[in-house]
Amino acid sequence: MGRMTDAGSPATALVSGASGALGGAVTDAFLAAGLHVLGLDLAPAPRPGRPSYRHVLVDLRDEGAVESALRDGLDALPPLTHIASVAGGALPGEPAAAAADDLGSIDGDLFRRSIDANLTSQWLLTRGALRYLGDRVDIDRSITLTSSLNGLSAWGMPAYSAAKAGVHGLMYGLVDPLGRRGIRVNVVAPGTARTPRTEAIWAGSPGHFERLEAGTAVGRLATSAEVAEVYLALALRLRHVTGQILIVDGGQSVIHRSPAG
């Protein structure tokens, strides 16, 4: 039997970026907790055929495509109660520019694409999903957006950092109006996690991850599963928490040794 809503019926969680390392870990955490999950991503499901899981291919920057994906994906699933907006990340050109200390190569096109990938896409997902969350204040519902340590500290990459800082403003703009509907809104701001995607992006910067590990209080980087537990807790356990940015970085933002140092 799947996890029930407060009203005693089965429930669904929506996870964007479900094919990535973090989105996949969040998906696994929700499924393990007994929820049905609708996963959205540009890439196919990495582990198809899982019980209670449905996957839809979609470009989250395309408003019409998002609305179609939600309509088709949520059809015949239990009521939507929780959203984890995970999709996004630094675009390949910007880390290379940061490593070379070449801000001039971050042109307007790259900047706009980063804003669309990391901020606009999260708004389009939220906007499209609101109608499915409903207005029953007797059922706990939540939206968790994804930022980054880059949106809070001086780690470089201005386009990515600006987009992630914008996620904080988006959350603050949603807390009050959605709170009146009984919907909680929070942000998870992960530090660095070593994943196939981040390894590929930083392949041209030898020793990058080792320098970042040295800049944590705990001496290691997070695993995707560790970060995923925060999304799960915000959705299912921390039911009086809204309007908060939860930093999950092993102390990177506190120690803040420069990754170039």
Protein backbone atom coordinates (compact mmCIF):
# COMPACT_ATOMS: atom_id res chain seq x y z
CA MET A 1 0.00 0.00 0.00
CA GLY A 2 1.34 3.45 -0.92
CA ARG A 3 1.70 6.38 1.40
CA MET A 4 -1.59 8.13 2.10
CA THR A 5 -2.56 11.79 2.20
CA ASP A 6 -3.93 13.26 5.40
CA ALA A 7 -7.36 12.39 4.05
CA GLY A 8 -6.42 8.70 3.84
CA SER A 9 -5.96 8.35 0.07
CA PRO A 10 -2.81 7.49 -1.97
CA ALA A 11 -0.56 10.42 -2.88
CA THR A 12 1.80 11.42 -5.70
CA ALA A 13 5.05 13.38 -5.69
CA LEU A 14 6.33 15.23 -8.76
CA VAL A 15 10.11 15.24 -9.36
CA SER A 16 11.75 17.21 -12.16
CA GLY A 17 15.20 16.18 -13.30
CA ALA A 18 14.31 12.63 -12.34
CA SER A 19 16.92 11.09 -14.65
CA GLY A 20 19.83 12.92 -13.04
CA ALA A 21 21.86 11.84 -10.05
CA LEU A 22 20.08 14.06 -7.51
CA GLY A 23 16.64 13.86 -9.11
CA GLY A 24 16.96 10.09 -9.30
CA ALA A 25 17.91 9.94 -5.63
CA VAL A 26 14.93 12.12 -4.71
CA THR A 27 12.69 9.87 -6.79
CA ASP A 28 14.02 6.78 -5.02
CA ALA A 29 13.46 8.41 -1.62
CA PHE A 30 9.83 9.24 -2.39
CA LEU A 31 9.15 5.78 -3.80
CA ALA A 32 10.71 4.17 -0.74
CA ALA A 33 8.44 6.31 1.44
CA GLY A 34 5.41 4.87 -0.33
CA LEU A 35 4.44 7.67 -2.71
CA HIS A 36 3.68 7.38 -6.37
CA VAL A 37 6.08 9.52 -8.41
CA LEU A 38 5.77 11.35 -11.70
CA GLY A 39 9.27 12.04 -13.02
CA LEU A 40 9.95 14.70 -15.64
CA ASP A 41 13.19 15.01 -17.60
CA LEU A 42 14.66 15.53 -21.06
CA ALA A 43 16.32 12.13 -20.71
CA PRO A 44 14.59 8.73 -20.45
CA ALA A 45 14.00 7.09 -17.09
CA PRO A 46 17.27 5.52 -15.90
CA ARG A 47 15.46 2.63 -14.23
CA PRO A 48 12.20 2.03 -16.13
CA GLY A 49 9.54 -0.30 -14.90
CA ARG A 50 9.67 0.65 -11.23
CA PRO A 51 6.34 0.18 -9.42
CA SER A 52 4.36 3.37 -8.77
CA TYR A 53 6.60 5.40 -11.12
CA ARG A 54 5.66 7.21 -14.31
CA HIS A 55 8.18 9.08 -16.48
CA VAL A 56 7.47 11.80 -19.06
CA LEU A 57 10.01 13.36 -21.41
CA VAL A 58 9.72 17.16 -21.43
CA ASP A 59 11.72 20.34 -21.93
CA LEU A 60 10.97 22.26 -18.74
CA ARG A 61 11.79 25.56 -20.45
CA ASP A 62 8.78 25.12 -22.77
CA GLU A 63 5.62 26.31 -21.02
CA GLY A 64 3.21 24.46 -23.30
CA ALA A 65 5.23 21.25 -23.09
CA VAL A 66 5.26 21.44 -19.29
CA GLU A 67 1.50 21.84 -19.15
CA SER A 68 1.01 18.88 -21.51
CA ALA A 69 3.43 16.71 -19.55
CA LEU A 70 1.65 17.44 -16.30
CA ARG A 71 -1.78 16.80 -17.79
CA ASP A 72 -0.77 13.50 -19.38
CA GLY A 73 1.57 12.38 -16.62
CA LEU A 74 -0.75 13.00 -13.68
CA ASP A 75 -3.75 11.46 -15.39
CA ALA A 76 -4.92 8.39 -13.43
CA LEU A 77 -2.30 8.91 -10.70
CA PRO A 78 -3.31 9.60 -7.08
CA PRO A 79 -3.63 13.26 -6.01
CA LEU A 80 -0.48 15.37 -6.26
CA THR A 81 0.74 16.47 -2.84
CA HIS A 82 4.45 17.27 -3.12
CA ILE A 83 6.72 18.80 -5.77
CA ALA A 84 10.50 18.53 -5.86
CA SER A 85 11.84 20.83 -8.56
CA VAL A 86 15.36 19.47 -9.04
CA ALA A 87 16.17 19.94 -12.74
CA GLY A 88 18.88 22.44 -13.65
CA GLY A 89 22.61 22.90 -13.33
CA ALA A 90 25.54 24.89 -14.62
CA LEU A 91 25.69 24.95 -18.41
CA PRO A 92 28.87 23.49 -19.90
CA GLY A 93 30.35 26.78 -21.10
CA GLU A 94 30.32 28.56 -17.77
CA PRO A 95 32.47 26.26 -15.60
CA ALA A 96 35.12 26.32 -18.33
CA ALA A 97 35.02 30.11 -18.32
CA ALA A 98 35.26 30.16 -14.53
CA ALA A 99 38.22 27.79 -14.54
CA ALA A 100 40.00 30.00 -17.07
CA ASP A 101 39.00 33.22 -15.25
CA ASP A 102 37.42 34.38 -18.51
CA LEU A 103 34.20 36.20 -17.62
CA GLY A 104 34.13 37.81 -21.04
CA SER A 105 33.21 34.49 -22.65
CA ILE A 106 29.94 34.38 -20.69
CA ASP A 107 27.89 36.19 -23.31
CA GLY A 108 24.24 37.21 -23.20
CA ASP A 109 23.07 33.99 -24.79
CA LEU A 110 24.78 31.80 -22.18
CA PHE A 111 23.49 34.02 -19.38
CA ARG A 112 19.89 33.87 -20.64
CA ARG A 113 20.07 30.11 -21.18
CA SER A 114 21.28 29.63 -17.61
CA ILE A 115 18.41 31.74 -16.26
CA ASP A 116 15.94 29.71 -18.32
CA ALA A 117 17.42 26.36 -17.26
CA ASN A 118 17.71 27.14 -13.56
CA LEU A 119 15.04 29.73 -12.73
CA THR A 120 12.39 30.13 -15.42
CA SER A 121 11.96 26.36 -15.68
CA GLN A 122 11.23 26.11 -11.94
CA TRP A 123 8.58 28.81 -12.20
CA LEU A 124 6.94 27.16 -15.22
CA LEU A 125 6.81 23.84 -13.38
CA THR A 126 5.39 25.46 -10.24
CA ARG A 127 2.82 27.48 -12.17
CA GLY A 128 1.68 24.48 -14.18
CA ALA A 129 1.45 22.18 -11.17
CA LEU A 130 -0.52 24.49 -8.89
CA ARG A 131 -3.86 23.48 -10.35
CA TYR A 132 -3.13 19.85 -9.48
CA LEU A 133 -2.17 20.60 -5.87
CA GLY A 134 -5.68 21.83 -5.22
CA ASP A 135 -6.95 23.94 -2.33
CA ARG A 136 -7.71 21.44 0.43
CA VAL A 137 -6.02 22.91 3.48
CA ASP A 138 -6.64 19.67 5.38
CA ILE A 139 -4.01 17.93 3.20
CA ASP A 140 -0.36 18.85 3.70
CA ARG A 141 1.22 19.88 0.40
CA SER A 142 4.64 21.28 -0.41
CA ILE A 143 6.86 22.66 -3.14
CA THR A 144 10.63 22.36 -2.80
CA LEU A 145 12.73 24.34 -5.25
CA THR A 146 16.44 23.82 -5.87
CA SER A 147 19.12 26.46 -5.51
CA SER A 148 22.83 26.02 -4.88
CA LEU A 149 25.67 27.13 -2.69
CA ASN A 150 26.53 29.36 -5.66
CA GLY A 151 23.41 31.41 -5.05
CA LEU A 152 24.58 32.23 -1.53
CA SER A 153 28.39 32.51 -1.63
CA ALA A 154 31.21 33.78 -3.81
CA TRP A 155 32.03 30.66 -5.80
CA GLY A 156 32.06 32.28 -9.24
CA MET A 157 29.91 31.42 -12.31
CA PRO A 158 27.79 34.62 -12.40
CA ALA A 159 25.05 33.32 -14.72
CA TYR A 160 24.43 30.16 -12.72
CA SER A 161 24.77 32.03 -9.41
CA ALA A 162 22.32 34.73 -10.49
CA ALA A 163 19.79 32.12 -11.58
CA LYS A 164 20.07 30.22 -8.31
CA ALA A 165 19.84 33.41 -6.24
CA GLY A 166 16.68 34.18 -8.22
CA VAL A 167 15.20 30.92 -6.95
CA HIS A 168 15.34 32.38 -3.44
CA GLY A 169 13.36 35.40 -4.57
CA LEU A 170 10.86 33.14 -6.31
CA MET A 171 10.33 31.22 -3.09
CA TYR A 172 9.83 34.38 -1.04
CA GLY A 173 7.29 35.60 -3.57
CA LEU A 174 5.32 32.37 -3.25
CA VAL A 175 5.38 31.77 0.52
CA ASP A 176 2.51 34.05 1.51
CA PRO A 177 0.00 33.49 -1.33
CA LEU A 178 0.54 29.73 -1.32
CA GLY A 179 0.58 29.60 2.47
CA ARG A 180 -2.98 30.90 2.43
CA ARG A 181 -3.81 27.81 0.37
CA GLY A 182 -2.02 25.53 2.83
CA ILE A 183 0.97 24.90 0.54
CA ARG A 184 4.49 25.12 1.97
CA VAL A 185 7.38 26.40 -0.18
CA ASN A 186 11.07 25.90 0.60
CA VAL A 187 14.44 25.78 -1.14
CA VAL A 188 17.21 23.21 -0.90
CA ALA A 189 20.64 24.70 -1.61
CA PRO A 190 23.11 21.83 -2.08
CA GLY A 191 26.84 22.24 -2.01
CA THR A 192 28.94 20.23 -4.41
CA ALA A 193 28.12 16.58 -5.05
CA ARG A 194 30.35 14.48 -7.26
CA THR A 195 28.15 13.05 -10.01
CA PRO A 196 28.78 11.92 -13.59
CA ARG A 197 27.45 15.27 -14.80
CA THR A 198 29.61 17.43 -12.56
CA GLU A 199 32.65 15.29 -13.29
CA ALA A 200 32.11 15.81 -17.02
CA ILE A 201 31.61 19.57 -16.62
CA TRP A 202 34.79 20.00 -14.57
CA ALA A 203 36.89 17.47 -16.48
CA GLY A 204 39.17 20.27 -17.68
CA SER A 205 40.01 21.41 -14.13
CA PRO A 206 42.28 18.79 -12.51
CA GLY A 207 41.98 18.55 -8.73
CA HIS A 208 38.70 20.49 -8.69
CA PHE A 209 36.81 18.11 -6.43
CA GLU A 210 39.74 17.56 -4.12
CA ARG A 211 39.99 21.32 -3.55
CA LEU A 212 36.28 21.47 -2.82
CA GLU A 213 36.53 18.61 -0.34
CA ALA A 214 39.25 20.52 1.46
CA GLY A 215 36.83 23.43 1.73
CA THR A 216 34.23 21.52 3.72
CA ALA A 217 33.97 21.20 7.46
CA VAL A 218 33.45 17.43 7.28
CA GLY A 219 36.20 16.74 4.76
CA ARG A 220 34.04 15.20 2.06
CA LEU A 221 31.38 16.07 -0.49
CA ALA A 222 27.74 15.05 -0.18
CA THR A 223 26.23 12.05 -1.88
CA SER A 224 23.06 12.52 -3.90
CA ALA A 225 21.22 10.22 -1.48
CA GLU A 226 22.18 12.45 1.47
CA VAL A 227 20.83 15.53 -0.26
CA ALA A 228 17.68 13.67 -1.30
CA GLU A 229 16.87 13.01 2.35
CA VAL A 230 16.40 16.76 2.81
CA TYR A 231 13.76 16.91 0.06
CA LEU A 232 11.98 13.97 1.67
CA ALA A 233 12.07 15.56 5.12
CA LEU A 234 10.71 18.87 3.83
CA ALA A 235 7.86 17.09 2.11
CA LEU A 236 6.85 14.52 4.71
CA ARG A 237 8.29 15.40 8.11
CA LEU A 238 8.92 19.14 8.52
CA ARG A 239 5.29 20.08 8.18
CA HIS A 240 5.51 23.49 9.83
CA VAL A 241 8.51 24.64 7.78
CA THR A 242 7.99 27.10 4.94
CA GLY A 243 9.91 30.01 3.48
CA GLN A 244 13.30 28.51 4.34
CA ILE A 245 16.55 27.87 2.48
CA LEU A 246 18.12 24.63 3.71
CA ILE A 247 21.84 24.53 2.92
CA VAL A 248 23.22 21.01 2.48
CA ASP A 249 26.92 21.55 1.91
CA GLY A 250 28.95 19.85 4.64
CA GLY A 251 30.07 23.25 5.85
CA GLN A 252 31.37 24.64 2.53
CA SER A 253 29.57 27.94 3.06
CA VAL A 254 30.89 28.21 6.63
CA ILE A 255 34.52 27.28 6.00
CA HIS A 256 34.51 28.88 2.56
CA ARG A 257 38.02 28.14 1.47
CA SER A 258 38.32 29.19 -2.13
CA PRO A 259 38.23 26.25 -4.56
CA ALA A 260 41.10 27.97 -6.36
CA GLY A 261 43.18 28.14 -3.18
